[in-house]
Amino acid sequence: MRSRFSAYAVGDKDYLLRTWHSTTRPKTVAFDPALRWTRLEIVGTTGGSPFHKVGTVEFHAHYQTNGRADVMHENSTFSRENGQWVYVAAE
């Protein structure tokens, strides 16, 4: 999750697409140039150990847009695909 947040912060489309599950991956990722991601706060997790195949990450992603601070709250599902953890979808 932290690496995907960082990819959003720096606009790394290739990394985001590579770490997206093949069944839910969009064709492209669009970035809003007025939006700046500033901080990630992990609220909770489930699964995610070497023995799990599915896990979740609940987080607050802090950002600024047009000079205003705001927070996105999400609980994301991740699963293993070809041995790697990838983002599936928001719950």
PDB file of N, CA and C in Angstrom:
ATOM      1  N   MET A   1       0.821  -1.184   0.000  1.00  0.00           N
ATOM      2  CA  MET A   1       0.000   0.000   0.000  1.00  0.00           C
ATOM      3  C   MET A   1       0.864   1.246   0.000  1.00  0.00           C
ATOM      4  N   ARG A   2       1.906   1.255   0.804  1.00  0.00           N
ATOM      5  CA  ARG A   2       2.770   2.437   0.880  1.00  0.00           C
ATOM      6  C   ARG A   2       3.438   2.719  -0.461  1.00  0.00           C
ATOM      7  N   SER A   3       3.854   1.678  -1.143  1.00  0.00           N
ATOM      8  CA  SER A   3       4.510   1.897  -2.440  1.00  0.00           C
ATOM      9  C   SER A   3       3.521   2.424  -3.473  1.00  0.00           C
ATOM     10  N   ARG A   4       2.279   1.990  -3.420  1.00  0.00           N
ATOM     11  CA  ARG A   4       1.269   2.500  -4.356  1.00  0.00           C
ATOM     12  C   ARG A   4       0.933   3.959  -4.040  1.00  0.00           C
ATOM     13  N   PHE A   5       0.861   4.310  -2.755  1.00  0.00           N
ATOM     14  CA  PHE A   5       0.643   5.707  -2.392  1.00  0.00           C
ATOM     15  C   PHE A   5       1.785   6.562  -2.941  1.00  0.00           C
ATOM     16  N   SER A   6       3.012   6.099  -2.764  1.00  0.00           N
ATOM     17  CA  SER A   6       4.166   6.838  -3.280  1.00  0.00           C
ATOM     18  C   SER A   6       4.094   6.987  -4.796  1.00  0.00           C
ATOM     19  N   ALA A   7       3.645   5.939  -5.475  1.00  0.00           N
ATOM     20  CA  ALA A   7       3.503   6.001  -6.933  1.00  0.00           C
ATOM     21  C   ALA A   7       2.469   7.044  -7.345  1.00  0.00           C
ATOM     22  N   TYR A   8       1.376   7.119  -6.606  1.00  0.00           N
ATOM     23  CA  TYR A   8       0.391   8.181  -6.876  1.00  0.00           C
ATOM     24  C   TYR A   8       1.020   9.554  -6.641  1.00  0.00           C
ATOM     25  N   ALA A   9       1.798   9.680  -5.567  1.00  0.00           N
ATOM     26  CA  ALA A   9       2.399  10.970  -5.211  1.00  0.00           C
ATOM     27  C   ALA A   9       3.365  11.476  -6.282  1.00  0.00           C
ATOM     28  N   VAL A  10       4.081  10.556  -6.931  1.00  0.00           N
ATOM     29  CA  VAL A  10       5.056  10.979  -7.949  1.00  0.00           C
ATOM     30  C   VAL A  10       4.554  10.777  -9.376  1.00  0.00           C
ATOM     31  N   GLY A  11       3.352  10.248  -9.535  1.00  0.00           N
ATOM     32  CA  GLY A  11       2.772  10.075 -10.868  1.00  0.00           C
ATOM     33  C   GLY A  11       3.343   8.912 -11.656  1.00  0.00           C
ATOM     34  N   ASP A  12       3.664   7.815 -10.982  1.00  0.00           N
ATOM     35  CA  ASP A  12       4.255   6.641 -11.636  1.00  0.00           C
ATOM     36  C   ASP A  12       3.152   5.685 -12.113  1.00  0.00           C
ATOM     37  N   LYS A  13       2.608   5.964 -13.294  1.00  0.00           N
ATOM     38  CA  LYS A  13       1.515   5.157 -13.859  1.00  0.00           C
ATOM     39  C   LYS A  13       1.928   3.706 -14.075  1.00  0.00           C
ATOM     40  N   ASP A  14       3.137   3.488 -14.577  1.00  0.00           N
ATOM     41  CA  ASP A  14       3.586   2.133 -14.870  1.00  0.00           C
ATOM     42  C   ASP A  14       3.586   1.260 -13.618  1.00  0.00           C
ATOM     43  N   TYR A  15       4.081   1.803 -12.502  1.00  0.00           N
ATOM     44  CA  TYR A  15       4.103   1.027 -11.263  1.00  0.00           C
ATOM     45  C   TYR A  15       2.688   0.715 -10.794  1.00  0.00           C
ATOM     46  N   LEU A  16       1.810   1.707 -10.851  1.00  0.00           N
ATOM     47  CA  LEU A  16       0.426   1.474 -10.421  1.00  0.00           C
ATOM     48  C   LEU A  16      -0.230   0.380 -11.241  1.00  0.00           C
ATOM     49  N   LEU A  17      -0.063   0.403 -12.537  1.00  0.00           N
ATOM     50  CA  LEU A  17      -0.669  -0.629 -13.387  1.00  0.00           C
ATOM     51  C   LEU A  17      -0.049  -1.998 -13.137  1.00  0.00           C
ATOM     52  N   ARG A  18       1.268  -2.046 -12.899  1.00  0.00           N
ATOM     53  CA  ARG A  18       1.950  -3.313 -12.612  1.00  0.00           C
ATOM     54  C   ARG A  18       1.488  -3.930 -11.301  1.00  0.00           C
ATOM     55  N   THR A  19       1.066  -3.099 -10.352  1.00  0.00           N
ATOM     56  CA  THR A  19       0.678  -3.599  -9.037  1.00  0.00           C
ATOM     57  C   THR A  19      -0.844  -3.645  -8.873  1.00  0.00           C
ATOM     58  N   TRP A  20      -1.558  -3.667  -9.985  1.00  0.00           N
ATOM     59  CA  TRP A  20      -3.020  -3.760  -9.998  1.00  0.00           C
ATOM     60  C   TRP A  20      -3.397  -5.153 -10.470  1.00  0.00           C
ATOM     61  N   HIS A  21      -4.344  -5.789  -9.837  1.00  0.00           N
ATOM     62  CA  HIS A  21      -4.762  -7.134 -10.214  1.00  0.00           C
ATOM     63  C   HIS A  21      -5.252  -7.153 -11.659  1.00  0.00           C
ATOM     64  N   SER A  22      -4.918  -8.187 -12.387  1.00  0.00           N
ATOM     65  CA  SER A  22      -5.246  -8.264 -13.819  1.00  0.00           C
ATOM     66  C   SER A  22      -6.743  -8.224 -14.095  1.00  0.00           C
ATOM     67  N   THR A  23      -7.566  -8.659 -13.134  1.00  0.00           N
ATOM     68  CA  THR A  23      -9.015  -8.680 -13.371  1.00  0.00           C
ATOM     69  C   THR A  23      -9.687  -7.332 -13.128  1.00  0.00           C
ATOM     70  N   THR A  24      -9.001  -6.407 -12.457  1.00  0.00           N
ATOM     71  CA  THR A  24      -9.597  -5.100 -12.152  1.00  0.00           C
ATOM     72  C   THR A  24      -8.765  -3.931 -12.680  1.00  0.00           C
ATOM     73  N   ARG A  25      -7.655  -4.225 -13.323  1.00  0.00           N
ATOM     74  CA  ARG A  25      -6.728  -3.193 -13.802  1.00  0.00           C
ATOM     75  C   ARG A  25      -7.354  -2.349 -14.918  1.00  0.00           C
ATOM     76  N   PRO A  26      -7.326  -1.015 -14.764  1.00  0.00           N
ATOM     77  CA  PRO A  26      -7.812  -0.158 -15.850  1.00  0.00           C
ATOM     78  C   PRO A  26      -6.780  -0.099 -16.982  1.00  0.00           C
ATOM     79  N   LYS A  27      -7.182   0.424 -18.112  1.00  0.00           N
ATOM     80  CA  LYS A  27      -6.248   0.552 -19.244  1.00  0.00           C
ATOM     81  C   LYS A  27      -5.204   1.625 -18.988  1.00  0.00           C
ATOM     82  N   THR A  28      -5.578   2.660 -18.244  1.00  0.00           N
ATOM     83  CA  THR A  28      -4.654   3.741 -17.922  1.00  0.00           C
ATOM     84  C   THR A  28      -5.027   4.349 -16.579  1.00  0.00           C
ATOM     85  N   VAL A  29      -4.150   5.177 -16.057  1.00  0.00           N
ATOM     86  CA  VAL A  29      -4.390   5.878 -14.804  1.00  0.00           C
ATOM     87  C   VAL A  29      -4.263   7.369 -15.092  1.00  0.00           C
ATOM     88  N   ALA A  30      -5.244   8.136 -14.690  1.00  0.00           N
ATOM     89  CA  ALA A  30      -5.213   9.588 -14.891  1.00  0.00           C
ATOM     90  C   ALA A  30      -4.870  10.278 -13.574  1.00  0.00           C
ATOM     91  N   PHE A  31      -4.084  11.317 -13.663  1.00  0.00           N
ATOM     92  CA  PHE A  31      -3.704  12.098 -12.488  1.00  0.00           C
ATOM     93  C   PHE A  31      -4.262  13.506 -12.614  1.00  0.00           C
ATOM     94  N   ASP A  32      -4.742  14.040 -11.505  1.00  0.00           N
ATOM     95  CA  ASP A  32      -5.221  15.414 -11.449  1.00  0.00           C
ATOM     96  C   ASP A  32      -4.031  16.303 -11.092  1.00  0.00           C
ATOM     97  N   PRO A  33      -3.592  17.185 -11.981  1.00  0.00           N
ATOM     98  CA  PRO A  33      -2.414  18.007 -11.689  1.00  0.00           C
ATOM     99  C   PRO A  33      -2.622  18.971 -10.515  1.00  0.00           C
ATOM    100  N   ALA A  34      -3.871  19.249 -10.142  1.00  0.00           N
ATOM    101  CA  ALA A  34      -4.145  20.151  -9.020  1.00  0.00           C
ATOM    102  C   ALA A  34      -4.101  19.429  -7.680  1.00  0.00           C
ATOM    103  N   LEU A  35      -3.990  18.103  -7.701  1.00  0.00           N
ATOM    104  CA  LEU A  35      -4.028  17.302  -6.489  1.00  0.00           C
ATOM    105  C   LEU A  35      -2.615  16.889  -6.092  1.00  0.00           C
ATOM    106  N   ARG A  36      -2.280  17.067  -4.811  1.00  0.00           N
ATOM    107  CA  ARG A  36      -0.965  16.662  -4.303  1.00  0.00           C
ATOM    108  C   ARG A  36      -1.159  15.779  -3.079  1.00  0.00           C
ATOM    109  N   TRP A  37      -0.715  14.505  -3.182  1.00  0.00           N
ATOM    110  CA  TRP A  37      -0.809  13.558  -2.066  1.00  0.00           C
ATOM    111  C   TRP A  37       0.265  13.926  -1.058  1.00  0.00           C
ATOM    112  N   THR A  38      -0.106  14.023   0.223  1.00  0.00           N
ATOM    113  CA  THR A  38       0.830  14.523   1.233  1.00  0.00           C
ATOM    114  C   THR A  38       1.198  13.524   2.325  1.00  0.00           C
ATOM    115  N   ARG A  39       0.293  12.597   2.647  1.00  0.00           N
ATOM    116  CA  ARG A  39       0.598  11.687   3.765  1.00  0.00           C
ATOM    117  C   ARG A  39      -0.325  10.484   3.720  1.00  0.00           C
ATOM    118  N   LEU A  40       0.217   9.341   4.116  1.00  0.00           N
ATOM    119  CA  LEU A  40      -0.561   8.112   4.203  1.00  0.00           C
ATOM    120  C   LEU A  40      -0.585   7.650   5.648  1.00  0.00           C
ATOM    121  N   GLU A  41      -1.773   7.323   6.129  1.00  0.00           N
ATOM    122  CA  GLU A  41      -1.952   6.811   7.484  1.00  0.00           C
ATOM    123  C   GLU A  41      -2.658   5.459   7.385  1.00  0.00           C
ATOM    124  N   ILE A  42      -1.964   4.400   7.772  1.00  0.00           N
ATOM    125  CA  ILE A  42      -2.558   3.065   7.779  1.00  0.00           C
ATOM    126  C   ILE A  42      -3.377   2.927   9.056  1.00  0.00           C
ATOM    127  N   VAL A  43      -4.670   2.617   8.895  1.00  0.00           N
ATOM    128  CA  VAL A  43      -5.590   2.507  10.027  1.00  0.00           C
ATOM    129  C   VAL A  43      -5.647   1.065  10.532  1.00  0.00           C
ATOM    130  N   GLY A  44      -5.614   0.105   9.609  1.00  0.00           N
ATOM    131  CA  GLY A  44      -5.678  -1.295  10.005  1.00  0.00           C
ATOM    132  C   GLY A  44      -5.416  -2.208   8.822  1.00  0.00           C
ATOM    133  N   THR A  45      -5.108  -3.455   9.124  1.00  0.00           N
ATOM    134  CA  THR A  45      -4.845  -4.450   8.084  1.00  0.00           C
ATOM    135  C   THR A  45      -5.427  -5.788   8.502  1.00  0.00           C
ATOM    136  N   THR A  46      -5.691  -6.639   7.511  1.00  0.00           N
ATOM    137  CA  THR A  46      -6.026  -8.038   7.749  1.00  0.00           C
ATOM    138  C   THR A  46      -5.204  -8.856   6.770  1.00  0.00           C
ATOM    139  N   GLY A  47      -4.873 -10.071   7.140  1.00  0.00           N
ATOM    140  CA  GLY A  47      -4.089 -10.927   6.251  1.00  0.00           C
ATOM    141  C   GLY A  47      -2.745 -10.288   5.945  1.00  0.00           C
ATOM    142  N   GLY A  48      -2.206 -10.653   4.803  1.00  0.00           N
ATOM    143  CA  GLY A  48      -0.982 -10.021   4.345  1.00  0.00           C
ATOM    144  C   GLY A  48       0.311 -10.714   4.714  1.00  0.00           C
ATOM    145  N   SER A  49       0.241 -11.797   5.478  1.00  0.00           N
ATOM    146  CA  SER A  49       1.468 -12.506   5.837  1.00  0.00           C
ATOM    147  C   SER A  49       1.882 -13.410   4.668  1.00  0.00           C
ATOM    148  N   PRO A  50       3.064 -14.006   4.745  1.00  0.00           N
ATOM    149  CA  PRO A  50       3.480 -14.936   3.695  1.00  0.00           C
ATOM    150  C   PRO A  50       2.534 -16.129   3.532  1.00  0.00           C
ATOM    151  N   PHE A  51       1.693 -16.391   4.530  1.00  0.00           N
ATOM    152  CA  PHE A  51       0.783 -17.530   4.480  1.00  0.00           C
ATOM    153  C   PHE A  51      -0.606 -17.178   3.942  1.00  0.00           C
ATOM    154  N   HIS A  52      -0.889 -15.894   3.767  1.00  0.00           N
ATOM    155  CA  HIS A  52      -2.195 -15.449   3.280  1.00  0.00           C
ATOM    156  C   HIS A  52      -2.186 -15.261   1.772  1.00  0.00           C
ATOM    157  N   LYS A  53      -3.356 -15.375   1.185  1.00  0.00           N
ATOM    158  CA  LYS A  53      -3.515 -15.116  -0.254  1.00  0.00           C
ATOM    159  C   LYS A  53      -4.306 -13.838  -0.494  1.00  0.00           C
ATOM    160  N   VAL A  54      -5.020 -13.378   0.542  1.00  0.00           N
ATOM    161  CA  VAL A  54      -5.840 -12.165   0.447  1.00  0.00           C
ATOM    162  C   VAL A  54      -5.618 -11.338   1.708  1.00  0.00           C
ATOM    163  N   GLY A  55      -5.679 -10.026   1.563  1.00  0.00           N
ATOM    164  CA  GLY A  55      -5.564  -9.137   2.712  1.00  0.00           C
ATOM    165  C   GLY A  55      -6.246  -7.816   2.419  1.00  0.00           C
ATOM    166  N   THR A  56      -6.417  -7.034   3.453  1.00  0.00           N
ATOM    167  CA  THR A  56      -7.002  -5.704   3.291  1.00  0.00           C
ATOM    168  C   THR A  56      -6.120  -4.680   3.996  1.00  0.00           C
ATOM    169  N   VAL A  57      -6.219  -3.446   3.503  1.00  0.00           N
ATOM    170  CA  VAL A  57      -5.546  -2.319   4.144  1.00  0.00           C
ATOM    171  C   VAL A  57      -6.554  -1.180   4.226  1.00  0.00           C
ATOM    172  N   GLU A  58      -6.844  -0.746   5.442  1.00  0.00           N
ATOM    173  CA  GLU A  58      -7.686   0.422   5.640  1.00  0.00           C
ATOM    174  C   GLU A  58      -6.756   1.603   5.874  1.00  0.00           C
ATOM    175  N   PHE A  59      -7.004   2.697   5.168  1.00  0.00           N
ATOM    176  CA  PHE A  59      -6.077   3.823   5.256  1.00  0.00           C
ATOM    177  C   PHE A  59      -6.783   5.154   5.081  1.00  0.00           C
ATOM    178  N   HIS A  60      -6.077   6.200   5.497  1.00  0.00           N
ATOM    179  CA  HIS A  60      -6.439   7.588   5.220  1.00  0.00           C
ATOM    180  C   HIS A  60      -5.316   8.151   4.352  1.00  0.00           C
ATOM    181  N   ALA A  61      -5.648   8.595   3.162  1.00  0.00           N
ATOM    182  CA  ALA A  61      -4.668   9.216   2.271  1.00  0.00           C
ATOM    183  C   ALA A  61      -4.937  10.718   2.277  1.00  0.00           C
ATOM    184  N   HIS A  62      -4.004  11.467   2.806  1.00  0.00           N
ATOM    185  CA  HIS A  62      -4.142  12.912   2.929  1.00  0.00           C
ATOM    186  C   HIS A  62      -3.647  13.574   1.645  1.00  0.00           C
ATOM    187  N   TYR A  63      -4.349  14.620   1.240  1.00  0.00           N
ATOM    188  CA  TYR A  63      -3.967  15.331   0.019  1.00  0.00           C
ATOM    189  C   TYR A  63      -4.388  16.784   0.090  1.00  0.00           C
ATOM    190  N   GLN A  64      -3.859  17.559  -0.829  1.00  0.00           N
ATOM    191  CA  GLN A  64      -4.256  18.959  -0.990  1.00  0.00           C
ATOM    192  C   GLN A  64      -4.676  19.163  -2.432  1.00  0.00           C
ATOM    193  N   THR A  65      -5.724  19.939  -2.594  1.00  0.00           N
ATOM    194  CA  THR A  65      -6.169  20.302  -3.927  1.00  0.00           C
ATOM    195  C   THR A  65      -6.672  21.736  -3.884  1.00  0.00           C
ATOM    196  N   ASN A  66      -6.179  22.533  -4.796  1.00  0.00           N
ATOM    197  CA  ASN A  66      -6.540  23.956  -4.853  1.00  0.00           C
ATOM    198  C   ASN A  66      -6.366  24.639  -3.505  1.00  0.00           C
ATOM    199  N   GLY A  67      -5.274  24.291  -2.799  1.00  0.00           N
ATOM    200  CA  GLY A  67      -4.967  24.918  -1.522  1.00  0.00           C
ATOM    201  C   GLY A  67      -5.747  24.407  -0.326  1.00  0.00           C
ATOM    202  N   ARG A  68      -6.606  23.422  -0.524  1.00  0.00           N
ATOM    203  CA  ARG A  68      -7.406  22.867   0.575  1.00  0.00           C
ATOM    204  C   ARG A  68      -6.941  21.456   0.914  1.00  0.00           C
ATOM    205  N   ALA A  69      -6.807  21.184   2.200  1.00  0.00           N
ATOM    206  CA  ALA A  69      -6.432  19.847   2.652  1.00  0.00           C
ATOM    207  C   ALA A  69      -7.685  18.991   2.776  1.00  0.00           C
ATOM    208  N   ASP A  70      -7.545  17.703   2.445  1.00  0.00           N
ATOM    209  CA  ASP A  70      -8.656  16.768   2.567  1.00  0.00           C
ATOM    210  C   ASP A  70      -8.090  15.374   2.791  1.00  0.00           C
ATOM    211  N   VAL A  71      -8.970  14.417   3.044  1.00  0.00           N
ATOM    212  CA  VAL A  71      -8.554  13.039   3.329  1.00  0.00           C
ATOM    213  C   VAL A  71      -9.465  12.077   2.582  1.00  0.00           C
ATOM    214  N   MET A  72      -8.863  11.070   1.971  1.00  0.00           N
ATOM    215  CA  MET A  72      -9.617   9.983   1.356  1.00  0.00           C
ATOM    216  C   MET A  72      -9.509   8.779   2.291  1.00  0.00           C
ATOM    217  N   HIS A  73     -10.641   8.192   2.671  1.00  0.00           N
ATOM    218  CA  HIS A  73     -10.668   7.015   3.537  1.00  0.00           C
ATOM    219  C   HIS A  73     -11.095   5.827   2.693  1.00  0.00           C
ATOM    220  N   GLU A  74     -10.298   4.752   2.736  1.00  0.00           N
ATOM    221  CA  GLU A  74     -10.615   3.581   1.921  1.00  0.00           C
ATOM    222  C   GLU A  74     -10.179   2.318   2.642  1.00  0.00           C
ATOM    223  N   ASN A  75     -10.861   1.224   2.342  1.00  0.00           N
ATOM    224  CA  ASN A  75     -10.444  -0.108   2.768  1.00  0.00           C
ATOM    225  C   ASN A  75     -10.219  -0.894   1.481  1.00  0.00           C
ATOM    226  N   SER A  76      -8.969  -1.190   1.178  1.00  0.00           N
ATOM    227  CA  SER A  76      -8.607  -1.826  -0.080  1.00  0.00           C
ATOM    228  C   SER A  76      -8.335  -3.304   0.098  1.00  0.00           C
ATOM    229  N   THR A  77      -8.722  -4.078  -0.909  1.00  0.00           N
ATOM    230  CA  THR A  77      -8.427  -5.509  -0.931  1.00  0.00           C
ATOM    231  C   THR A  77      -7.209  -5.750  -1.810  1.00  0.00           C
ATOM    232  N   PHE A  78      -6.318  -6.595  -1.321  1.00  0.00           N
ATOM    233  CA  PHE A  78      -5.132  -7.015  -2.063  1.00  0.00           C
ATOM    234  C   PHE A  78      -5.137  -8.537  -2.131  1.00  0.00           C
ATOM    235  N   SER A  79      -4.551  -9.086  -3.182  1.00  0.00           N
ATOM    236  CA  SER A  79      -4.388 -10.540  -3.262  1.00  0.00           C
ATOM    237  C   SER A  79      -3.078 -10.847  -3.966  1.00  0.00           C
ATOM    238  N   ARG A  80      -2.689 -12.093  -3.869  1.00  0.00           N
ATOM    239  CA  ARG A  80      -1.456 -12.516  -4.550  1.00  0.00           C
ATOM    240  C   ARG A  80      -1.779 -12.915  -5.984  1.00  0.00           C
ATOM    241  N   GLU A  81      -0.968 -12.421  -6.887  1.00  0.00           N
ATOM    242  CA  GLU A  81      -1.069 -12.799  -8.290  1.00  0.00           C
ATOM    243  C   GLU A  81       0.358 -13.065  -8.755  1.00  0.00           C
ATOM    244  N   ASN A  82       0.606 -14.284  -9.207  1.00  0.00           N
ATOM    245  CA  ASN A  82       1.961 -14.688  -9.593  1.00  0.00           C
ATOM    246  C   ASN A  82       2.962 -14.451  -8.462  1.00  0.00           C
ATOM    247  N   GLY A  83       2.510 -14.701  -7.226  1.00  0.00           N
ATOM    248  CA  GLY A  83       3.389 -14.589  -6.064  1.00  0.00           C
ATOM    249  C   GLY A  83       3.555 -13.187  -5.508  1.00  0.00           C
ATOM    250  N   GLN A  84       3.001 -12.170  -6.165  1.00  0.00           N
ATOM    251  CA  GLN A  84       3.163 -10.776  -5.734  1.00  0.00           C
ATOM    252  C   GLN A  84       1.843 -10.228  -5.195  1.00  0.00           C
ATOM    253  N   TRP A  85       1.928  -9.367  -4.178  1.00  0.00           N
ATOM    254  CA  TRP A  85       0.740  -8.692  -3.685  1.00  0.00           C
ATOM    255  C   TRP A  85       0.350  -7.610  -4.677  1.00  0.00           C
ATOM    256  N   VAL A  86      -0.930  -7.607  -5.063  1.00  0.00           N
ATOM    257  CA  VAL A  86      -1.448  -6.594  -5.995  1.00  0.00           C
ATOM    258  C   VAL A  86      -2.785  -6.057  -5.482  1.00  0.00           C
ATOM    259  N   TYR A  87      -3.074  -4.825  -5.858  1.00  0.00           N
ATOM    260  CA  TYR A  87      -4.326  -4.161  -5.495  1.00  0.00           C
ATOM    261  C   TYR A  87      -5.461  -4.755  -6.302  1.00  0.00           C
ATOM    262  N   VAL A  88      -6.569  -5.102  -5.634  1.00  0.00           N
ATOM    263  CA  VAL A  88      -7.747  -5.632  -6.319  1.00  0.00           C
ATOM    264  C   VAL A  88      -8.798  -4.542  -6.464  1.00  0.00           C
ATOM    265  N   ALA A  89      -9.295  -4.012  -5.352  1.00  0.00           N
ATOM    266  CA  ALA A  89     -10.355  -3.002  -5.405  1.00  0.00           C
ATOM    267  C   ALA A  89     -10.599  -2.419  -4.014  1.00  0.00           C
ATOM    268  N   ALA A  90     -11.327  -1.317  -4.000  1.00  0.00           N
ATOM    269  CA  ALA A  90     -11.804  -0.745  -2.739  1.00  0.00           C
ATOM    270  C   ALA A  90     -13.038  -1.512  -2.304  1.00  0.00           C
ATOM    271  N   GLU A  91     -13.158  -1.750  -1.007  1.00  0.00           N
ATOM    272  CA  GLU A  91     -14.339  -2.453  -0.490  1.00  0.00           C
ATOM    273  C   GLU A  91     -15.475  -1.479  -0.318  1.00  0.00           C
TER     274      GLU A  91
END
